[in-house]
């Protein structure tokens, strides 16, 4: 996972190719990514894109509560909220007990993210086959853009990327691989 080291602070200009061509009024953005965070995830890029989108008016951010990228993205939004109180975080939980099998540290991060979220949407009381897709569909219906860390052409994150693209909504990739 890349983080800022001794490099100069990233500015939005560094990632302008990602953000050029944005049209319309983006008011919200969702996150989707893998549970195992890839080494090439650029956390600086993630933070810059979140900040830039918030500055452009996309002040509502949706996260799905999965361990890995979802929790990391939620923590980035919560850090930004300290500087930009107009930013809101919505937890889109596919089912009650989602965190049941998370490692202990991730359970704590999950609990903190929910506690600090402005809204929590629980789509089902219990797990059922397809509840994760229902969560992804909910975010695709409600968010205007997607920030994704997607390295494969199959799975839940790829499904979500394809869903946003079919709807003509922008997708911003923050790691190498399938975007």
Foldseek 3Di string as FASTA:
>chain_A
DADDDPDDQDAVVVVVVQVPPDDDQFQAEEEDEDQAEDPQQHVSVLLNVVVVSVVSRNQEYEAALRHDPRLSSLVSSLVVCVVVVSHAYEYQYLEPCPCVPPPPVSVVSSVVSVVPGPYYHYNYHHDDPCSLVVSLVVCLVPGQEYEYADADCDDDRVSSVVSNVVVVGYYHYRGDHDD
